Amino acid sequence: MTSDRLSSTFSALADPTRRAILARLLSGEVSVTELAEPFEMSLPAVSKHLKVLERAGLISRGHNAQWRPCRLKAAPLKDVADWVQHYRRFFEQSFGRLDNYLLELKNNESKNKEKKHGRKQARN
């Protein structure tokens, strides 16, 4: 996969309307008119969003008489997930180190309390 394809996928996903369109397509093919229903925008404006999604390879549009169904094409999303996976490992390792550090601090704090508590009992 080229970085240009990844860039075009991220660019298409940058808009909340396009993400909402993709979410609606998860359940299957939908006409452009049906896709446009929940949005407060014109049909031509929705069509512009669909063109961006289509250029990014995230949807395909068919022709069936007057009905032009749109369907999700998830391959570019898999590419994004694969790319993000590298960073997920980084964050998981970072959180693991943070967990270890916090546990060390907690153990040190407990030891310090025991020392202070032990000194108080020795004084009494």
PDB file of N, CA and C in Angstrom:
ATOM      1  N   MET A   1       0.839  -1.173   0.000  1.00  0.00           N
ATOM      2  CA  MET A   1       0.000   0.000   0.000  1.00  0.00           C
ATOM      3  C   MET A   1       0.887   1.240   0.000  1.00  0.00           C
ATOM      4  N   THR A   2       0.588   2.192  -0.831  1.00  0.00           N
ATOM      5  CA  THR A   2       1.392   3.404  -0.889  1.00  0.00           C
ATOM      6  C   THR A   2       0.903   4.398   0.156  1.00  0.00           C
ATOM      7  N   SER A   3       1.791   5.311   0.540  1.00  0.00           N
ATOM      8  CA  SER A   3       1.393   6.325   1.511  1.00  0.00           C
ATOM      9  C   SER A   3       0.332   7.242   0.924  1.00  0.00           C
ATOM     10  N   ASP A   4       0.308   7.398  -0.405  1.00  0.00           N
ATOM     11  CA  ASP A   4      -0.723   8.236  -1.019  1.00  0.00           C
ATOM     12  C   ASP A   4      -2.109   7.652  -0.775  1.00  0.00           C
ATOM     13  N   ARG A   5      -2.216   6.335  -0.851  1.00  0.00           N
ATOM     14  CA  ARG A   5      -3.512   5.695  -0.599  1.00  0.00           C
ATOM     15  C   ARG A   5      -3.913   5.872   0.858  1.00  0.00           C
ATOM     16  N   LEU A   6      -2.962   5.715   1.754  1.00  0.00           N
ATOM     17  CA  LEU A   6      -3.230   5.921   3.173  1.00  0.00           C
ATOM     18  C   LEU A   6      -3.636   7.374   3.420  1.00  0.00           C
ATOM     19  N   SER A   7      -2.965   8.298   2.773  1.00  0.00           N
ATOM     20  CA  SER A   7      -3.303   9.724   2.918  1.00  0.00           C
ATOM     21  C   SER A   7      -4.704  10.008   2.423  1.00  0.00           C
ATOM     22  N   SER A   8      -5.069   9.417   1.309  1.00  0.00           N
ATOM     23  CA  SER A   8      -6.418   9.666   0.784  1.00  0.00           C
ATOM     24  C   SER A   8      -7.477   9.042   1.689  1.00  0.00           C
ATOM     25  N   THR A   9      -7.149   7.914   2.312  1.00  0.00           N
ATOM     26  CA  THR A   9      -8.096   7.291   3.243  1.00  0.00           C
ATOM     27  C   THR A   9      -8.267   8.177   4.465  1.00  0.00           C
ATOM     28  N   PHE A  10      -7.152   8.636   5.048  1.00  0.00           N
ATOM     29  CA  PHE A  10      -7.246   9.515   6.213  1.00  0.00           C
ATOM     30  C   PHE A  10      -7.971  10.811   5.873  1.00  0.00           C
ATOM     31  N   SER A  11      -7.718  11.337   4.711  1.00  0.00           N
ATOM     32  CA  SER A  11      -8.388  12.567   4.288  1.00  0.00           C
ATOM     33  C   SER A  11      -9.898  12.353   4.202  1.00  0.00           C
ATOM     34  N   ALA A  12     -10.304  11.229   3.645  1.00  0.00           N
ATOM     35  CA  ALA A  12     -11.734  10.930   3.539  1.00  0.00           C
ATOM     36  C   ALA A  12     -12.359  10.734   4.920  1.00  0.00           C
ATOM     37  N   LEU A  13     -11.612  10.126   5.828  1.00  0.00           N
ATOM     38  CA  LEU A  13     -12.126   9.865   7.170  1.00  0.00           C
ATOM     39  C   LEU A  13     -12.113  11.102   8.065  1.00  0.00           C
ATOM     40  N   ALA A  14     -11.458  12.164   7.631  1.00  0.00           N
ATOM     41  CA  ALA A  14     -11.326  13.363   8.450  1.00  0.00           C
ATOM     42  C   ALA A  14     -12.651  14.090   8.654  1.00  0.00           C
ATOM     43  N   ASP A  15     -13.611  13.841   7.804  1.00  0.00           N
ATOM     44  CA  ASP A  15     -14.887  14.548   7.879  1.00  0.00           C
ATOM     45  C   ASP A  15     -15.929  13.710   8.623  1.00  0.00           C
ATOM     46  N   PRO A  16     -16.603  14.281   9.619  1.00  0.00           N
ATOM     47  CA  PRO A  16     -17.589  13.508  10.386  1.00  0.00           C
ATOM     48  C   PRO A  16     -18.778  13.032   9.554  1.00  0.00           C
ATOM     49  N   THR A  17     -19.169  13.792   8.542  1.00  0.00           N
ATOM     50  CA  THR A  17     -20.276  13.360   7.681  1.00  0.00           C
ATOM     51  C   THR A  17     -19.885  12.097   6.929  1.00  0.00           C
ATOM     52  N   ARG A  18     -18.662  12.055   6.420  1.00  0.00           N
ATOM     53  CA  ARG A  18     -18.223  10.866   5.682  1.00  0.00           C
ATOM     54  C   ARG A  18     -18.105   9.667   6.614  1.00  0.00           C
ATOM     55  N   ARG A  19     -17.655   9.892   7.845  1.00  0.00           N
ATOM     56  CA  ARG A  19     -17.596   8.775   8.802  1.00  0.00           C
ATOM     57  C   ARG A  19     -19.000   8.271   9.110  1.00  0.00           C
ATOM     58  N   ALA A  20     -19.959   9.173   9.216  1.00  0.00           N
ATOM     59  CA  ALA A  20     -21.348   8.770   9.471  1.00  0.00           C
ATOM     60  C   ALA A  20     -21.910   7.991   8.286  1.00  0.00           C
ATOM     61  N   ILE A  21     -21.552   8.389   7.088  1.00  0.00           N
ATOM     62  CA  ILE A  21     -21.987   7.664   5.892  1.00  0.00           C
ATOM     63  C   ILE A  21     -21.437   6.242   5.918  1.00  0.00           C
ATOM     64  N   LEU A  22     -20.160   6.108   6.232  1.00  0.00           N
ATOM     65  CA  LEU A  22     -19.561   4.766   6.317  1.00  0.00           C
ATOM     66  C   LEU A  22     -20.245   3.926   7.382  1.00  0.00           C
ATOM     67  N   ALA A  23     -20.579   4.541   8.499  1.00  0.00           N
ATOM     68  CA  ALA A  23     -21.267   3.810   9.575  1.00  0.00           C
ATOM     69  C   ALA A  23     -22.627   3.304   9.101  1.00  0.00           C
ATOM     70  N   ARG A  24     -23.330   4.104   8.333  1.00  0.00           N
ATOM     71  CA  ARG A  24     -24.636   3.676   7.806  1.00  0.00           C
ATOM     72  C   ARG A  24     -24.476   2.534   6.815  1.00  0.00           C
ATOM     73  N   LEU A  25     -23.368   2.516   6.099  1.00  0.00           N
ATOM     74  CA  LEU A  25     -23.152   1.462   5.096  1.00  0.00           C
ATOM     75  C   LEU A  25     -22.728   0.129   5.721  1.00  0.00           C
ATOM     76  N   LEU A  26     -22.419   0.131   7.000  1.00  0.00           N
ATOM     77  CA  LEU A  26     -22.065  -1.124   7.670  1.00  0.00           C
ATOM     78  C   LEU A  26     -23.193  -2.138   7.586  1.00  0.00           C
ATOM     79  N   SER A  27     -24.418  -1.654   7.570  1.00  0.00           N
ATOM     80  CA  SER A  27     -25.571  -2.567   7.552  1.00  0.00           C
ATOM     81  C   SER A  27     -25.924  -3.054   6.149  1.00  0.00           C
ATOM     82  N   GLY A  28     -25.251  -2.557   5.132  1.00  0.00           N
ATOM     83  CA  GLY A  28     -25.500  -3.027   3.768  1.00  0.00           C
ATOM     84  C   GLY A  28     -25.704  -1.891   2.787  1.00  0.00           C
ATOM     85  N   GLU A  29     -26.049  -2.266   1.571  1.00  0.00           N
ATOM     86  CA  GLU A  29     -26.240  -1.283   0.499  1.00  0.00           C
ATOM     87  C   GLU A  29     -27.367  -0.319   0.831  1.00  0.00           C
ATOM     88  N   VAL A  30     -27.150   0.938   0.464  1.00  0.00           N
ATOM     89  CA  VAL A  30     -28.140   1.982   0.698  1.00  0.00           C
ATOM     90  C   VAL A  30     -28.099   2.925  -0.491  1.00  0.00           C
ATOM     91  N   SER A  31     -29.255   3.459  -0.845  1.00  0.00           N
ATOM     92  CA  SER A  31     -29.288   4.421  -1.951  1.00  0.00           C
ATOM     93  C   SER A  31     -28.760   5.769  -1.477  1.00  0.00           C
ATOM     94  N   VAL A  32     -28.389   6.596  -2.426  1.00  0.00           N
ATOM     95  CA  VAL A  32     -27.888   7.933  -2.120  1.00  0.00           C
ATOM     96  C   VAL A  32     -28.957   8.724  -1.369  1.00  0.00           C
ATOM     97  N   THR A  33     -30.188   8.602  -1.791  1.00  0.00           N
ATOM     98  CA  THR A  33     -31.297   9.309  -1.136  1.00  0.00           C
ATOM     99  C   THR A  33     -31.423   8.877   0.326  1.00  0.00           C
ATOM    100  N   GLU A  34     -31.327   7.581   0.566  1.00  0.00           N
ATOM    101  CA  GLU A  34     -31.406   7.078   1.945  1.00  0.00           C
ATOM    102  C   GLU A  34     -30.216   7.552   2.776  1.00  0.00           C
ATOM    103  N   LEU A  35     -29.049   7.593   2.166  1.00  0.00           N
ATOM    104  CA  LEU A  35     -27.864   8.080   2.873  1.00  0.00           C
ATOM    105  C   LEU A  35     -28.008   9.551   3.252  1.00  0.00           C
ATOM    106  N   ALA A  36     -28.668  10.317   2.402  1.00  0.00           N
ATOM    107  CA  ALA A  36     -28.795  11.753   2.612  1.00  0.00           C
ATOM    108  C   ALA A  36     -29.827  12.112   3.686  1.00  0.00           C
ATOM    109  N   GLU A  37     -30.759  11.208   3.988  1.00  0.00           N
ATOM    110  CA  GLU A  37     -31.875  11.515   4.888  1.00  0.00           C
ATOM    111  C   GLU A  37     -31.475  12.139   6.229  1.00  0.00           C
ATOM    112  N   PRO A  38     -30.528  11.577   6.967  1.00  0.00           N
ATOM    113  CA  PRO A  38     -30.272  12.146   8.301  1.00  0.00           C
ATOM    114  C   PRO A  38     -29.459  13.446   8.301  1.00  0.00           C
ATOM    115  N   PHE A  39     -28.965  13.844   7.158  1.00  0.00           N
ATOM    116  CA  PHE A  39     -28.107  15.021   7.099  1.00  0.00           C
ATOM    117  C   PHE A  39     -28.887  16.245   6.649  1.00  0.00           C
ATOM    118  N   GLU A  40     -28.566  17.366   7.261  1.00  0.00           N
ATOM    119  CA  GLU A  40     -29.209  18.621   6.877  1.00  0.00           C
ATOM    120  C   GLU A  40     -28.373  19.281   5.791  1.00  0.00           C
ATOM    121  N   MET A  41     -28.357  18.621   4.635  1.00  0.00           N
ATOM    122  CA  MET A  41     -27.626  19.163   3.482  1.00  0.00           C
ATOM    123  C   MET A  41     -28.305  18.671   2.216  1.00  0.00           C
ATOM    124  N   SER A  42     -27.980  19.313   1.134  1.00  0.00           N
ATOM    125  CA  SER A  42     -28.596  18.967  -0.144  1.00  0.00           C
ATOM    126  C   SER A  42     -28.065  17.629  -0.664  1.00  0.00           C
ATOM    127  N   LEU A  43     -28.805  17.049  -1.574  1.00  0.00           N
ATOM    128  CA  LEU A  43     -28.372  15.810  -2.214  1.00  0.00           C
ATOM    129  C   LEU A  43     -27.047  15.995  -2.962  1.00  0.00           C
ATOM    130  N   PRO A  44     -26.852  17.126  -3.673  1.00  0.00           N
ATOM    131  CA  PRO A  44     -25.554  17.346  -4.316  1.00  0.00           C
ATOM    132  C   PRO A  44     -24.397  17.407  -3.307  1.00  0.00           C
ATOM    133  N   ALA A  45     -24.633  17.968  -2.123  1.00  0.00           N
ATOM    134  CA  ALA A  45     -23.579  18.029  -1.110  1.00  0.00           C
ATOM    135  C   ALA A  45     -23.228  16.622  -0.621  1.00  0.00           C
ATOM    136  N   VAL A  46     -24.238  15.791  -0.433  1.00  0.00           N
ATOM    137  CA  VAL A  46     -23.992  14.404  -0.036  1.00  0.00           C
ATOM    138  C   VAL A  46     -23.234  13.684  -1.147  1.00  0.00           C
ATOM    139  N   SER A  47     -23.608  13.942  -2.385  1.00  0.00           N
ATOM    140  CA  SER A  47     -22.919  13.322  -3.523  1.00  0.00           C
ATOM    141  C   SER A  47     -21.434  13.692  -3.551  1.00  0.00           C
ATOM    142  N   LYS A  48     -21.103  14.922  -3.173  1.00  0.00           N
ATOM    143  CA  LYS A  48     -19.688  15.322  -3.107  1.00  0.00           C
ATOM    144  C   LYS A  48     -18.940  14.486  -2.073  1.00  0.00           C
ATOM    145  N   HIS A  49     -19.578  14.259  -0.919  1.00  0.00           N
ATOM    146  CA  HIS A  49     -18.961  13.408   0.108  1.00  0.00           C
ATOM    147  C   HIS A  49     -18.770  11.985  -0.429  1.00  0.00           C
ATOM    148  N   LEU A  50     -19.763  11.500  -1.149  1.00  0.00           N
ATOM    149  CA  LEU A  50     -19.675  10.145  -1.703  1.00  0.00           C
ATOM    150  C   LEU A  50     -18.534  10.039  -2.719  1.00  0.00           C
ATOM    151  N   LYS A  51     -18.330  11.085  -3.496  1.00  0.00           N
ATOM    152  CA  LYS A  51     -17.229  11.070  -4.465  1.00  0.00           C
ATOM    153  C   LYS A  51     -15.879  10.979  -3.765  1.00  0.00           C
ATOM    154  N   VAL A  52     -15.739  11.698  -2.653  1.00  0.00           N
ATOM    155  CA  VAL A  52     -14.484  11.638  -1.886  1.00  0.00           C
ATOM    156  C   VAL A  52     -14.275  10.218  -1.362  1.00  0.00           C
ATOM    157  N   LEU A  53     -15.338   9.625  -0.813  1.00  0.00           N
ATOM    158  CA  LEU A  53     -15.248   8.259  -0.289  1.00  0.00           C
ATOM    159  C   LEU A  53     -14.944   7.261  -1.400  1.00  0.00           C
ATOM    160  N   GLU A  54     -15.531   7.490  -2.557  1.00  0.00           N
ATOM    161  CA  GLU A  54     -15.308   6.598  -3.700  1.00  0.00           C
ATOM    162  C   GLU A  54     -13.865   6.711  -4.206  1.00  0.00           C
ATOM    163  N   ARG A  55     -13.340   7.938  -4.308  1.00  0.00           N
ATOM    164  CA  ARG A  55     -11.949   8.125  -4.745  1.00  0.00           C
ATOM    165  C   ARG A  55     -10.965   7.478  -3.771  1.00  0.00           C
ATOM    166  N   ALA A  56     -11.321   7.475  -2.506  1.00  0.00           N
ATOM    167  CA  ALA A  56     -10.457   6.859  -1.494  1.00  0.00           C
ATOM    168  C   ALA A  56     -10.617   5.340  -1.466  1.00  0.00           C
ATOM    169  N   GLY A  57     -11.542   4.821  -2.245  1.00  0.00           N
ATOM    170  CA  GLY A  57     -11.755   3.376  -2.309  1.00  0.00           C
ATOM    171  C   GLY A  57     -12.559   2.822  -1.142  1.00  0.00           C
ATOM    172  N   LEU A  58     -13.242   3.713  -0.408  1.00  0.00           N
ATOM    173  CA  LEU A  58     -13.992   3.285   0.767  1.00  0.00           C
ATOM    174  C   LEU A  58     -15.422   2.850   0.449  1.00  0.00           C
ATOM    175  N   ILE A  59     -15.931   3.274  -0.691  1.00  0.00           N
ATOM    176  CA  ILE A  59     -17.263   2.846  -1.114  1.00  0.00           C
ATOM    177  C   ILE A  59     -17.237   2.552  -2.605  1.00  0.00           C
ATOM    178  N   SER A  60     -18.264   1.845  -3.035  1.00  0.00           N
ATOM    179  CA  SER A  60     -18.491   1.691  -4.473  1.00  0.00           C
ATOM    180  C   SER A  60     -19.955   2.021  -4.716  1.00  0.00           C
ATOM    181  N   ARG A  61     -20.236   2.510  -5.910  1.00  0.00           N
ATOM    182  CA  ARG A  61     -21.614   2.847  -6.266  1.00  0.00           C
ATOM    183  C   ARG A  61     -22.002   2.037  -7.485  1.00  0.00           C
ATOM    184  N   GLY A  62     -23.137   1.411  -7.372  1.00  0.00           N
ATOM    185  CA  GLY A  62     -23.619   0.588  -8.469  1.00  0.00           C
ATOM    186  C   GLY A  62     -24.683   1.299  -9.281  1.00  0.00           C
ATOM    187  N   HIS A  63     -25.103   0.629 -10.338  1.00  0.00           N
ATOM    188  CA  HIS A  63     -26.176   1.146 -11.186  1.00  0.00           C
ATOM    189  C   HIS A  63     -27.191   0.034 -11.348  1.00  0.00           C
ATOM    190  N   ASN A  64     -28.390   0.282 -10.916  1.00  0.00           N
ATOM    191  CA  ASN A  64     -29.469  -0.684 -11.073  1.00  0.00           C
ATOM    192  C   ASN A  64     -30.721   0.100 -11.427  1.00  0.00           C
ATOM    193  N   ALA A  65     -30.933   0.321 -12.709  1.00  0.00           N
ATOM    194  CA  ALA A  65     -32.028   1.157 -13.214  1.00  0.00           C
ATOM    195  C   ALA A  65     -31.903   2.543 -12.581  1.00  0.00           C
ATOM    196  N   GLN A  66     -32.926   2.988 -11.864  1.00  0.00           N
ATOM    197  CA  GLN A  66     -32.901   4.301 -11.216  1.00  0.00           C
ATOM    198  C   GLN A  66     -32.226   4.264  -9.848  1.00  0.00           C
ATOM    199  N   TRP A  67     -32.006   3.075  -9.342  1.00  0.00           N
ATOM    200  CA  TRP A  67     -31.426   2.926  -7.999  1.00  0.00           C
ATOM    201  C   TRP A  67     -29.918   2.842  -8.105  1.00  0.00           C
ATOM    202  N   ARG A  68     -29.214   3.697  -7.384  1.00  0.00           N
ATOM    203  CA  ARG A  68     -27.752   3.693  -7.376  1.00  0.00           C
ATOM    204  C   ARG A  68     -27.277   3.329  -5.974  1.00  0.00           C
ATOM    205  N   PRO A  69     -27.175   2.032  -5.707  1.00  0.00           N
ATOM    206  CA  PRO A  69     -26.783   1.624  -4.352  1.00  0.00           C
ATOM    207  C   PRO A  69     -25.315   1.926  -4.062  1.00  0.00           C
ATOM    208  N   CYS A  70     -25.059   2.302  -2.818  1.00  0.00           N
ATOM    209  CA  CYS A  70     -23.701   2.511  -2.339  1.00  0.00           C
ATOM    210  C   CYS A  70     -23.381   1.372  -1.391  1.00  0.00           C
ATOM    211  N   ARG A  71     -22.145   0.906  -1.460  1.00  0.00           N
ATOM    212  CA  ARG A  71     -21.732  -0.163  -0.542  1.00  0.00           C
ATOM    213  C   ARG A  71     -20.342   0.137  -0.008  1.00  0.00           C
ATOM    214  N   LEU A  72     -20.126  -0.335   1.199  1.00  0.00           N
ATOM    215  CA  LEU A  72     -18.850  -0.143   1.876  1.00  0.00           C
ATOM    216  C   LEU A  72     -17.789  -1.056   1.275  1.00  0.00           C
ATOM    217  N   LYS A  73     -16.602  -0.525   1.102  1.00  0.00           N
ATOM    218  CA  LYS A  73     -15.434  -1.320   0.716  1.00  0.00           C
ATOM    219  C   LYS A  73     -14.403  -1.111   1.827  1.00  0.00           C
ATOM    220  N   ALA A  74     -14.213  -2.125   2.635  1.00  0.00           N
ATOM    221  CA  ALA A  74     -13.454  -1.956   3.877  1.00  0.00           C
ATOM    222  C   ALA A  74     -11.943  -2.140   3.748  1.00  0.00           C
ATOM    223  N   ALA A  75     -11.433  -2.533   2.612  1.00  0.00           N
ATOM    224  CA  ALA A  75      -9.988  -2.785   2.481  1.00  0.00           C
ATOM    225  C   ALA A  75      -9.133  -1.596   2.920  1.00  0.00           C
ATOM    226  N   PRO A  76      -9.461  -0.357   2.515  1.00  0.00           N
ATOM    227  CA  PRO A  76      -8.645   0.769   2.982  1.00  0.00           C
ATOM    228  C   PRO A  76      -8.686   0.946   4.500  1.00  0.00           C
ATOM    229  N   LEU A  77      -9.795   0.575   5.120  1.00  0.00           N
ATOM    230  CA  LEU A  77      -9.887   0.664   6.579  1.00  0.00           C
ATOM    231  C   LEU A  77      -8.967  -0.361   7.235  1.00  0.00           C
ATOM    232  N   LYS A  78      -8.823  -1.500   6.613  1.00  0.00           N
ATOM    233  CA  LYS A  78      -7.892  -2.524   7.113  1.00  0.00           C
ATOM    234  C   LYS A  78      -6.466  -1.995   7.033  1.00  0.00           C
ATOM    235  N   ASP A  79      -6.154  -1.306   5.934  1.00  0.00           N
ATOM    236  CA  ASP A  79      -4.823  -0.704   5.792  1.00  0.00           C
ATOM    237  C   ASP A  79      -4.555   0.303   6.909  1.00  0.00           C
ATOM    238  N   VAL A  80      -5.557   1.120   7.244  1.00  0.00           N
ATOM    239  CA  VAL A  80      -5.424   2.088   8.330  1.00  0.00           C
ATOM    240  C   VAL A  80      -5.218   1.354   9.655  1.00  0.00           C
ATOM    241  N   ALA A  81      -6.013   0.312   9.888  1.00  0.00           N
ATOM    242  CA  ALA A  81      -5.891  -0.461  11.130  1.00  0.00           C
ATOM    243  C   ALA A  81      -4.497  -1.076  11.253  1.00  0.00           C
ATOM    244  N   ASP A  82      -3.977  -1.595  10.161  1.00  0.00           N
ATOM    245  CA  ASP A  82      -2.632  -2.177  10.172  1.00  0.00           C
ATOM    246  C   ASP A  82      -1.584  -1.117  10.501  1.00  0.00           C
ATOM    247  N   TRP A  83      -1.734   0.067   9.925  1.00  0.00           N
ATOM    248  CA  TRP A  83      -0.793   1.152  10.162  1.00  0.00           C
ATOM    249  C   TRP A  83      -0.855   1.595  11.624  1.00  0.00           C
ATOM    250  N   VAL A  84      -2.062   1.724  12.158  1.00  0.00           N
ATOM    251  CA  VAL A  84      -2.254   2.159  13.542  1.00  0.00           C
ATOM    252  C   VAL A  84      -1.738   1.106  14.525  1.00  0.00           C
ATOM    253  N   GLN A  85      -1.769  -0.157  14.127  1.00  0.00           N
ATOM    254  CA  GLN A  85      -1.336  -1.244  15.002  1.00  0.00           C
ATOM    255  C   GLN A  85       0.082  -1.035  15.523  1.00  0.00           C
ATOM    256  N   HIS A  86       0.959  -0.503  14.685  1.00  0.00           N
ATOM    257  CA  HIS A  86       2.337  -0.237  15.110  1.00  0.00           C
ATOM    258  C   HIS A  86       2.357   0.736  16.292  1.00  0.00           C
ATOM    259  N   TYR A  87       1.515   1.735  16.234  1.00  0.00           N
ATOM    260  CA  TYR A  87       1.465   2.732  17.295  1.00  0.00           C
ATOM    261  C   TYR A  87       0.749   2.186  18.519  1.00  0.00           C
ATOM    262  N   ARG A  88      -0.157   1.281  18.327  1.00  0.00           N
ATOM    263  CA  ARG A  88      -0.842   0.648  19.451  1.00  0.00           C
ATOM    264  C   ARG A  88       0.179  -0.103  20.314  1.00  0.00           C
ATOM    265  N   ARG A  89       1.060  -0.829  19.671  1.00  0.00           N
ATOM    266  CA  ARG A  89       2.110  -1.534  20.414  1.00  0.00           C
ATOM    267  C   ARG A  89       2.952  -0.562  21.230  1.00  0.00           C
ATOM    268  N   PHE A  90       3.288   0.578  20.633  1.00  0.00           N
ATOM    269  CA  PHE A  90       4.070   1.594  21.326  1.00  0.00           C
ATOM    270  C   PHE A  90       3.344   2.061  22.591  1.00  0.00           C
ATOM    271  N   PHE A  91       2.040   2.371  22.446  1.00  0.00           N
ATOM    272  CA  PHE A  91       1.290   2.862  23.599  1.00  0.00           C
ATOM    273  C   PHE A  91       1.103   1.775  24.655  1.00  0.00           C
ATOM    274  N   GLU A  92       0.882   0.547  24.222  1.00  0.00           N
ATOM    275  CA  GLU A  92       0.748  -0.540  25.189  1.00  0.00           C
ATOM    276  C   GLU A  92       2.042  -0.722  25.978  1.00  0.00           C
ATOM    277  N   GLN A  93       3.183  -0.640  25.297  1.00  0.00           N
ATOM    278  CA  GLN A  93       4.467  -0.747  25.989  1.00  0.00           C
ATOM    279  C   GLN A  93       4.661   0.438  26.936  1.00  0.00           C
ATOM    280  N   SER A  94       4.283   1.622  26.494  1.00  0.00           N
ATOM    281  CA  SER A  94       4.404   2.814  27.339  1.00  0.00           C
ATOM    282  C   SER A  94       3.521   2.685  28.571  1.00  0.00           C
ATOM    283  N   PHE A  95       2.289   2.198  28.387  1.00  0.00           N
ATOM    284  CA  PHE A  95       1.394   2.018  29.527  1.00  0.00           C
ATOM    285  C   PHE A  95       1.917   0.927  30.456  1.00  0.00           C
ATOM    286  N   GLY A  96       2.538  -0.091  29.897  1.00  0.00           N
ATOM    287  CA  GLY A  96       3.139  -1.142  30.714  1.00  0.00           C
ATOM    288  C   GLY A  96       4.245  -0.585  31.589  1.00  0.00           C
ATOM    289  N   ARG A  97       5.085   0.267  30.996  1.00  0.00           N
ATOM    290  CA  ARG A  97       6.167   0.897  31.778  1.00  0.00           C
ATOM    291  C   ARG A  97       5.585   1.819  32.845  1.00  0.00           C
ATOM    292  N   LEU A  98       4.532   2.537  32.502  1.00  0.00           N
ATOM    293  CA  LEU A  98       3.883   3.418  33.472  1.00  0.00           C
ATOM    294  C   LEU A  98       3.280   2.600  34.616  1.00  0.00           C
ATOM    295  N   ASP A  99       2.630   1.485  34.300  1.00  0.00           N
ATOM    296  CA  ASP A  99       2.080   0.598  35.336  1.00  0.00           C
ATOM    297  C   ASP A  99       3.179   0.130  36.281  1.00  0.00           C
ATOM    298  N   ASN A 100       4.305  -0.292  35.728  1.00  0.00           N
ATOM    299  CA  ASN A 100       5.433  -0.756  36.550  1.00  0.00           C
ATOM    300  C   ASN A 100       5.952   0.364  37.451  1.00  0.00           C
ATOM    301  N   TYR A 101       6.056   1.559  36.896  1.00  0.00           N
ATOM    302  CA  TYR A 101       6.546   2.697  37.669  1.00  0.00           C
ATOM    303  C   TYR A 101       5.583   3.031  38.808  1.00  0.00           C
ATOM    304  N   LEU A 102       4.278   3.047  38.504  1.00  0.00           N
ATOM    305  CA  LEU A 102       3.295   3.349  39.542  1.00  0.00           C
ATOM    306  C   LEU A 102       3.294   2.284  40.635  1.00  0.00           C
ATOM    307  N   LEU A 103       3.461   1.036  40.255  1.00  0.00           N
ATOM    308  CA  LEU A 103       3.541  -0.047  41.232  1.00  0.00           C
ATOM    309  C   LEU A 103       4.776   0.130  42.115  1.00  0.00           C
ATOM    310  N   GLU A 104       5.884   0.518  41.514  1.00  0.00           N
ATOM    311  CA  GLU A 104       7.115   0.763  42.268  1.00  0.00           C
ATOM    312  C   GLU A 104       6.909   1.905  43.263  1.00  0.00           C
ATOM    313  N   LEU A 105       6.253   2.993  42.811  1.00  0.00           N
ATOM    314  CA  LEU A 105       5.975   4.115  43.712  1.00  0.00           C
ATOM    315  C   LEU A 105       5.082   3.684  44.872  1.00  0.00           C
ATOM    316  N   LYS A 106       4.076   2.892  44.558  1.00  0.00           N
ATOM    317  CA  LYS A 106       3.143   2.410  45.586  1.00  0.00           C
ATOM    318  C   LYS A 106       3.880   1.531  46.596  1.00  0.00           C
ATOM    319  N   ASN A 107       4.747   0.654  46.120  1.00  0.00           N
ATOM    320  CA  ASN A 107       5.521  -0.208  47.013  1.00  0.00           C
ATOM    321  C   ASN A 107       6.452   0.615  47.898  1.00  0.00           C
ATOM    322  N   ASN A 108       7.110   1.620  47.306  1.00  0.00           N
ATOM    323  CA  ASN A 108       7.996   2.494  48.082  1.00  0.00           C
ATOM    324  C   ASN A 108       7.217   3.263  49.137  1.00  0.00           C
ATOM    325  N   GLU A 109       6.041   3.724  48.771  1.00  0.00           N
ATOM    326  CA  GLU A 109       5.194   4.452  49.713  1.00  0.00           C
ATOM    327  C   GLU A 109       4.786   3.545  50.877  1.00  0.00           C
ATOM    328  N   SER A 110       4.422   2.306  50.552  1.00  0.00           N
ATOM    329  CA  SER A 110       4.044   1.343  51.596  1.00  0.00           C
ATOM    330  C   SER A 110       5.220   1.076  52.531  1.00  0.00           C
ATOM    331  N   LYS A 111       6.412   0.918  51.968  1.00  0.00           N
ATOM    332  CA  LYS A 111       7.606   0.679  52.790  1.00  0.00           C
ATOM    333  C   LYS A 111       7.885   1.868  53.704  1.00  0.00           C
ATOM    334  N   ASN A 112       7.722   3.080  53.167  1.00  0.00           N
ATOM    335  CA  ASN A 112       7.945   4.282  53.967  1.00  0.00           C
ATOM    336  C   ASN A 112       6.938   4.384  55.105  1.00  0.00           C
ATOM    337  N   LYS A 113       5.692   4.038  54.854  1.00  0.00           N
ATOM    338  CA  LYS A 113       4.666   4.055  55.901  1.00  0.00           C
ATOM    339  C   LYS A 113       4.988   3.026  56.972  1.00  0.00           C
ATOM    340  N   GLU A 114       5.441   1.851  56.549  1.00  0.00           N
ATOM    341  CA  GLU A 114       5.799   0.806  57.515  1.00  0.00           C
ATOM    342  C   GLU A 114       6.955   1.263  58.399  1.00  0.00           C
ATOM    343  N   LYS A 115       7.935   1.928  57.792  1.00  0.00           N
ATOM    344  CA  LYS A 115       9.078   2.423  58.566  1.00  0.00           C
ATOM    345  C   LYS A 115       8.624   3.454  59.595  1.00  0.00           C
ATOM    346  N   LYS A 116       7.781   4.404  59.144  1.00  0.00           N
ATOM    347  CA  LYS A 116       7.282   5.438  60.051  1.00  0.00           C
ATOM    348  C   LYS A 116       6.439   4.815  61.150  1.00  0.00           C
ATOM    349  N   HIS A 117       5.591   3.871  60.784  1.00  0.00           N
ATOM    350  CA  HIS A 117       4.711   3.201  61.742  1.00  0.00           C
ATOM    351  C   HIS A 117       5.540   2.394  62.732  1.00  0.00           C
ATOM    352  N   GLY A 118       6.592   1.743  62.250  1.00  0.00           N
ATOM    353  CA  GLY A 118       7.483   0.965  63.105  1.00  0.00           C
ATOM    354  C   GLY A 118       8.206   1.843  64.095  1.00  0.00           C
ATOM    355  N   ARG A 119       8.621   3.054  63.698  1.00  0.00           N
ATOM    356  CA  ARG A 119       9.320   3.978  64.587  1.00  0.00           C
ATOM    357  C   ARG A 119       8.377   4.491  65.666  1.00  0.00           C
ATOM    358  N   LYS A 120       7.126   4.749  65.311  1.00  0.00           N
ATOM    359  CA  LYS A 120       6.150   5.235  66.293  1.00  0.00           C
ATOM    360  C   LYS A 120       5.916   4.171  67.364  1.00  0.00           C
ATOM    361  N   GLN A 121       5.804   2.922  66.944  1.00  0.00           N
ATOM    362  CA  GLN A 121       5.581   1.841  67.915  1.00  0.00           C
ATOM    363  C   GLN A 121       6.805   1.654  68.803  1.00  0.00           C
ATOM    364  N   ALA A 122       7.987   1.826  68.264  1.00  0.00           N
ATOM    365  CA  ALA A 122       9.211   1.671  69.040  1.00  0.00           C
ATOM    366  C   ALA A 122       9.320   2.766  70.102  1.00  0.00           C
ATOM    367  N   ARG A 123       8.816   3.958  69.816  1.00  0.00           N
ATOM    368  CA  ARG A 123       8.860   5.076  70.755  1.00  0.00           C
ATOM    369  C   ARG A 123       7.894   4.851  71.929  1.00  0.00           C
ATOM    370  N   ASN A 124       6.806   4.170  71.670  1.00  0.00           N
ATOM    371  CA  ASN A 124       5.790   3.966  72.721  1.00  0.00           C
ATOM    372  C   ASN A 124       6.187   2.927  73.655  1.00  0.00           C
TER     373      ASN A 124
END
